[in-house]
């Protein structure tokens, strides 16, 4: 059965084509080409498609027609988020608009001078919307697996130019834990996706859409042990040029107050479930999420 392996699909040549179109003819040209790419994945990628259809049919209880339509829209939405990310990070004027619900929570978090942990997941497009974090006037750190193809990563670094945030790569020697702890101690923001893990990583199981699912232990253990402010953040595309961002209320977990890693994971899973129900066509985990 399919599991996430820490790598994204695509080739450096494919990225170059889209970047060329976006920079010469605008974002709409990229969307036009994307229609054909979407059809390819819709018809010729059964290994990923089946998991999205299973989500729609067996979990969300969509009928067959709605599920197939949702599958096409899902692939198209994923492509749009990648195009939008390239456009925003490379400085292309695409005239995107953003609505931030709960944005004041992030400002309160920084004002508390304890740093902050932002947890999200692989749904929506928080990466493209993350540039709004600049207004927090503090250093931003992104924790991620080093899973991109080397050629893709090198090319995208050339396209997007100097980063406005720091990347903390997850390492087997656990050096990323010390970097995260140091960043939080300086009242800086650390952003993490908390819904995926690589084989061999420690996990914890909780209920997600009524069935047991595994989540990585690390992000929630950090939140519990460091007692730092935690906010769940998401960004969803609602129209061709508009994004709706969400930031939940600030949470500070503490073992002495009765919080456990199990309760923290359960709260995160509930938040993810609510967002997936609201934006089912922007769920981008193309594998069996409930696999034991």
Protein backbone atom coordinates (compact mmCIF):
# COMPACT_ATOMS: atom_id res chain seq x y z
CA UNK A 1 0.00 0.00 0.00
CA UNK A 2 1.21 3.52 -0.81
CA UNK A 3 2.90 5.57 1.86
CA UNK A 4 4.44 9.01 1.79
CA UNK A 5 8.17 8.75 1.03
CA UNK A 6 9.24 12.33 1.67
CA UNK A 7 9.48 13.39 -1.99
CA UNK A 8 7.31 15.52 -4.24
CA UNK A 9 6.36 14.62 -7.79
CA UNK A 10 7.50 16.58 -10.81
CA UNK A 11 10.68 17.31 -12.74
CA UNK A 12 12.93 20.35 -13.05
CA UNK A 13 11.92 20.62 -16.74
CA UNK A 14 8.26 20.86 -15.77
CA UNK A 15 9.01 23.60 -13.26
CA UNK A 16 11.02 25.53 -15.86
CA UNK A 17 8.12 25.46 -18.32
CA UNK A 18 5.65 26.84 -15.79
CA UNK A 19 8.08 29.49 -14.54
CA UNK A 20 8.71 30.64 -18.13
CA UNK A 21 4.97 30.93 -18.82
CA UNK A 22 4.26 32.75 -15.57
CA UNK A 23 7.03 35.29 -16.09
CA UNK A 24 6.33 35.93 -19.78
CA UNK A 25 2.56 35.59 -20.10
CA UNK A 26 1.27 35.77 -16.54
CA UNK A 27 -0.33 33.39 -14.10
CA UNK A 28 -3.37 32.72 -16.29
CA UNK A 29 -1.15 31.11 -18.94
CA UNK A 30 0.15 28.72 -16.31
CA UNK A 31 -3.41 27.84 -15.32
CA UNK A 32 -4.24 27.13 -18.98
CA UNK A 33 -1.38 24.64 -19.39
CA UNK A 34 -2.28 23.18 -16.03
CA UNK A 35 -5.64 22.00 -17.42
CA UNK A 36 -3.82 19.50 -19.64
CA UNK A 37 -1.46 18.39 -16.88
CA UNK A 38 -4.46 17.86 -14.62
CA UNK A 39 -6.11 15.61 -17.21
CA UNK A 40 -2.95 13.51 -17.37
CA UNK A 41 -2.94 12.89 -13.61
CA UNK A 42 -6.70 12.38 -13.58
CA UNK A 43 -6.51 9.52 -16.11
CA UNK A 44 -3.00 8.13 -15.63
CA UNK A 45 -2.16 8.35 -11.93
CA UNK A 46 -4.28 5.62 -10.32
CA UNK A 47 -1.82 5.10 -7.44
CA UNK A 48 -2.59 8.57 -6.07
CA UNK A 49 -6.11 9.04 -7.42
CA UNK A 50 -7.54 6.05 -5.59
CA UNK A 51 -6.72 7.52 -2.19
CA UNK A 52 -8.45 10.82 -2.95
CA UNK A 53 -11.51 9.02 -4.32
CA UNK A 54 -11.60 6.81 -1.21
CA UNK A 55 -11.58 9.93 0.95
CA UNK A 56 -14.49 11.41 -0.97
CA UNK A 57 -16.50 8.19 -1.29
CA UNK A 58 -15.88 6.38 2.00
CA UNK A 59 -15.09 9.19 4.42
CA UNK A 60 -16.96 12.25 3.17
CA UNK A 61 -19.71 10.12 1.57
CA UNK A 62 -19.74 11.87 -1.80
CA UNK A 63 -21.55 10.12 -4.65
CA UNK A 64 -19.53 8.77 -7.59
CA UNK A 65 -20.01 11.80 -9.86
CA UNK A 66 -19.13 14.28 -7.12
CA UNK A 67 -16.08 12.20 -6.18
CA UNK A 68 -14.71 12.15 -9.73
CA UNK A 69 -15.35 15.87 -10.15
CA UNK A 70 -13.65 16.43 -6.81
CA UNK A 71 -10.64 14.39 -7.93
CA UNK A 72 -10.16 16.55 -11.04
CA UNK A 73 -10.56 19.76 -9.03
CA UNK A 74 -8.15 18.41 -6.42
CA UNK A 75 -5.34 17.95 -8.95
CA UNK A 76 -6.12 21.32 -10.52
CA UNK A 77 -6.11 23.05 -7.13
CA UNK A 78 -2.76 21.47 -6.26
CA UNK A 79 -1.28 22.75 -9.51
CA UNK A 80 -2.67 26.22 -8.89
CA UNK A 81 -1.15 26.37 -5.43
CA UNK A 82 2.27 25.52 -6.88
CA UNK A 83 1.89 28.16 -9.61
CA UNK A 84 0.74 30.75 -7.07
CA UNK A 85 3.66 29.88 -4.80
CA UNK A 86 6.13 30.41 -7.66
CA UNK A 87 4.46 33.68 -8.68
CA UNK A 88 4.42 35.16 -5.18
CA UNK A 89 7.93 34.07 -4.18
CA UNK A 90 9.48 35.18 -7.48
CA UNK A 91 7.86 38.63 -7.33
CA UNK A 92 5.44 38.26 -10.24
CA UNK A 93 2.57 40.75 -9.90
CA UNK A 94 -0.41 38.38 -9.84
CA UNK A 95 -2.66 40.71 -7.76
CA UNK A 96 -3.62 38.09 -5.20
CA UNK A 97 -5.82 39.20 -2.32
CA UNK A 98 -5.80 37.75 1.18
CA UNK A 99 -8.35 37.61 3.97
CA UNK A 100 -6.85 36.64 7.33
CA UNK A 101 -9.28 35.30 9.91
CA UNK A 102 -7.67 35.28 13.35
CA UNK A 103 -4.57 37.19 12.27
CA UNK A 104 -4.54 39.06 15.57
CA UNK A 105 -3.69 35.78 17.30
CA UNK A 106 -0.25 35.79 15.67
CA UNK A 107 0.37 39.36 16.81
CA UNK A 108 -0.64 38.48 20.38
CA UNK A 109 1.67 35.47 20.23
CA UNK A 110 4.69 37.62 19.37
CA UNK A 111 3.73 40.21 21.97
CA UNK A 112 3.96 37.48 24.61
CA UNK A 113 7.75 37.23 23.96
CA UNK A 114 7.82 33.44 24.27
CA UNK A 115 8.19 32.61 20.61
CA UNK A 116 5.55 30.61 18.83
CA UNK A 117 4.90 27.30 17.09
CA UNK A 118 2.65 27.37 14.02
CA UNK A 119 1.27 23.96 13.06
CA UNK A 120 -0.38 23.27 9.72
CA UNK A 121 -0.84 20.36 7.32
CA UNK A 122 -0.77 19.38 3.66
CA UNK A 123 -4.06 20.98 2.73
CA UNK A 124 -4.57 24.37 1.18
CA UNK A 125 -1.59 26.58 0.36
CA UNK A 126 -0.05 28.03 3.48
CA UNK A 127 3.34 28.34 1.76
CA UNK A 128 2.12 30.95 -0.74
CA UNK A 129 0.23 32.81 1.97
CA UNK A 130 3.09 32.71 4.45
CA UNK A 131 4.55 35.98 3.21
CA UNK A 132 1.99 37.69 5.48
CA UNK A 133 4.09 36.50 8.42
CA UNK A 134 6.54 39.29 7.57
CA UNK A 135 4.33 41.74 9.44
CA UNK A 136 5.14 39.95 12.71
CA UNK A 137 8.57 41.61 12.74
CA UNK A 138 10.42 38.53 13.91
CA UNK A 139 12.47 35.79 12.27
CA UNK A 140 10.49 32.96 10.67
CA UNK A 141 11.74 29.37 10.57
CA UNK A 142 10.23 26.65 8.37
CA UNK A 143 10.80 23.03 9.46
CA UNK A 144 10.72 20.61 6.55
CA UNK A 145 11.98 17.30 5.21
CA UNK A 146 14.75 17.63 2.63
CA UNK A 147 12.71 15.62 0.13
CA UNK A 148 12.72 17.68 -3.04
CA UNK A 149 14.72 16.55 -6.05
CA UNK A 150 18.10 18.34 -5.97
CA UNK A 151 17.69 19.85 -9.46
CA UNK A 152 14.21 21.16 -8.65
CA UNK A 153 15.38 22.70 -5.39
CA UNK A 154 18.41 24.37 -6.96
CA UNK A 155 16.33 25.81 -9.80
CA UNK A 156 13.59 27.12 -7.50
CA UNK A 157 16.19 28.82 -5.30
CA UNK A 158 17.43 30.66 -8.40
CA UNK A 159 13.88 31.68 -9.37
CA UNK A 160 12.64 32.85 -5.99
CA UNK A 161 15.81 34.67 -4.97
CA UNK A 162 16.91 35.32 -1.36
CA UNK A 163 14.66 33.72 1.23
CA UNK A 164 12.86 35.85 3.77
CA UNK A 165 12.75 32.92 6.18
CA UNK A 166 15.13 30.28 7.50
CA UNK A 167 14.83 26.59 6.62
CA UNK A 168 15.41 24.01 9.36
CA UNK A 169 15.84 20.58 7.78
CA UNK A 170 14.79 17.48 9.70
CA UNK A 171 17.94 15.39 10.32
CA UNK A 172 18.48 11.88 11.64
CA UNK A 173 20.90 13.25 14.25
CA UNK A 174 18.04 15.32 15.74
CA UNK A 175 20.05 18.55 15.31
CA UNK A 176 16.83 20.21 14.13
CA UNK A 177 15.42 19.89 17.66
CA UNK A 178 18.16 22.10 19.06
CA UNK A 179 17.67 24.67 16.28
CA UNK A 180 13.92 24.78 16.94
CA UNK A 181 14.43 25.18 20.68
CA UNK A 182 16.98 27.95 20.14
CA UNK A 183 14.65 29.82 17.76
CA UNK A 184 11.73 29.68 20.19
CA UNK A 185 13.94 30.92 23.04
CA UNK A 186 14.62 34.06 20.96
CA UNK A 187 10.90 34.85 20.51
CA UNK A 188 11.02 33.66 16.91
CA UNK A 189 8.33 31.77 14.98
CA UNK A 190 8.70 28.13 13.96
CA UNK A 191 6.31 26.73 11.31
CA UNK A 192 5.77 22.99 10.88
CA UNK A 193 3.48 20.62 9.02
CA UNK A 194 2.30 18.06 11.55
CA UNK A 195 0.39 15.53 9.44
CA UNK A 196 3.15 13.52 7.72
CA UNK A 197 6.00 11.29 8.83
CA UNK A 198 8.63 9.13 7.20
CA UNK A 199 8.79 5.35 7.79
CA UNK A 200 10.65 4.67 11.01
CA UNK A 201 9.67 7.94 12.70
CA UNK A 202 7.87 7.85 16.04
CA UNK A 203 4.12 8.32 15.68
CA UNK A 204 1.03 8.62 17.79
CA UNK A 205 -2.42 7.39 16.82
CA UNK A 206 -5.63 9.34 17.21
CA UNK A 207 -9.08 9.39 15.65
CA UNK A 208 -9.38 11.23 12.34
CA UNK A 209 -12.74 11.15 10.54
CA UNK A 210 -13.83 8.33 12.85
CA UNK A 211 -10.87 6.05 12.09
CA UNK A 212 -7.46 5.67 13.74
CA UNK A 213 -4.71 7.58 11.93
CA UNK A 214 -1.06 8.09 12.70
CA UNK A 215 0.60 11.48 13.15
CA UNK A 216 4.26 12.34 13.80
CA UNK A 217 5.04 12.56 17.49
CA UNK A 218 7.71 15.28 17.23
CA UNK A 219 5.68 18.50 16.72
CA UNK A 220 3.28 17.70 19.54
CA UNK A 221 6.02 16.61 21.94
CA UNK A 222 7.74 19.94 21.33
CA UNK A 223 4.54 21.86 22.00
CA UNK A 224 3.96 19.98 25.24
CA UNK A 225 7.49 20.04 26.64
CA UNK A 226 8.49 23.58 25.68
CA UNK A 227 5.17 25.12 26.79
CA UNK A 228 5.30 27.66 23.95
CA UNK A 229 2.26 29.33 22.36
CA UNK A 230 0.80 27.18 19.59
CA UNK A 231 -1.47 28.33 16.74
CA UNK A 232 -2.93 26.14 13.98
CA UNK A 233 -2.69 27.94 10.65
CA UNK A 234 -4.17 27.27 7.20
CA UNK A 235 -4.51 29.01 3.85
CA UNK A 236 -7.12 28.08 1.22
CA UNK A 237 -7.72 29.33 -2.29
CA UNK A 238 -11.33 30.49 -2.66
CA UNK A 239 -11.16 32.02 -6.14
CA UNK A 240 -8.57 32.53 -8.85
CA UNK A 241 -6.99 35.52 -7.08
CA UNK A 242 -8.21 35.25 -3.48
CA UNK A 243 -6.95 33.32 -0.46
CA UNK A 244 -8.64 32.86 2.93
CA UNK A 245 -6.19 32.39 5.80
CA UNK A 246 -7.08 30.97 9.20
CA UNK A 247 -5.29 31.23 12.54
CA UNK A 248 -6.85 29.51 15.56
CA UNK A 249 -6.80 30.83 19.10
CA UNK A 250 -3.47 30.63 20.91
CA UNK A 251 -3.01 27.42 22.87
CA UNK A 252 -0.34 26.70 25.48
CA UNK A 253 -0.07 23.07 26.48
CA UNK A 254 1.22 22.05 29.90
CA UNK A 255 1.53 18.58 31.46
CA UNK A 256 0.91 20.07 34.90
CA UNK A 257 -2.48 21.34 33.67
CA UNK A 258 -3.50 17.87 32.53
CA UNK A 259 -2.47 18.07 28.89
CA UNK A 260 -1.01 14.93 27.34
CA UNK A 261 0.52 14.27 23.96
CA UNK A 262 -2.59 12.24 23.14
CA UNK A 263 -4.90 15.16 23.91
CA UNK A 264 -2.74 17.58 21.92
CA UNK A 265 -2.72 15.34 18.84
CA UNK A 266 -6.47 14.80 19.12
CA UNK A 267 -7.08 18.57 19.17
CA UNK A 268 -4.90 19.05 16.08
CA UNK A 269 -6.64 16.20 14.24
CA UNK A 270 -10.04 17.73 15.04
CA UNK A 271 -8.89 21.05 13.58
CA UNK A 272 -7.60 19.32 10.44
CA UNK A 273 -10.88 17.44 10.07
CA UNK A 274 -12.92 20.67 10.25
CA UNK A 275 -10.78 22.30 7.57
CA UNK A 276 -10.87 19.24 5.31
CA UNK A 277 -14.67 19.18 5.48
CA UNK A 278 -14.76 22.88 4.59
CA UNK A 279 -12.25 22.54 1.70
CA UNK A 280 -12.28 18.86 0.63
CA UNK A 281 -10.81 19.60 -2.81
CA UNK A 282 -7.68 21.04 -1.22
CA UNK A 283 -6.62 17.91 0.69
CA UNK A 284 -3.21 17.03 -0.75
CA UNK A 285 -2.14 13.79 0.94
CA UNK A 286 -2.05 11.33 -1.98
CA UNK A 287 -1.58 8.13 -0.02
CA UNK A 288 -3.48 5.99 2.46
CA UNK A 289 -3.59 8.38 5.41
CA UNK A 290 -5.12 5.75 7.69
CA UNK A 291 -2.59 3.00 7.00
CA UNK A 292 -1.36 1.35 10.20
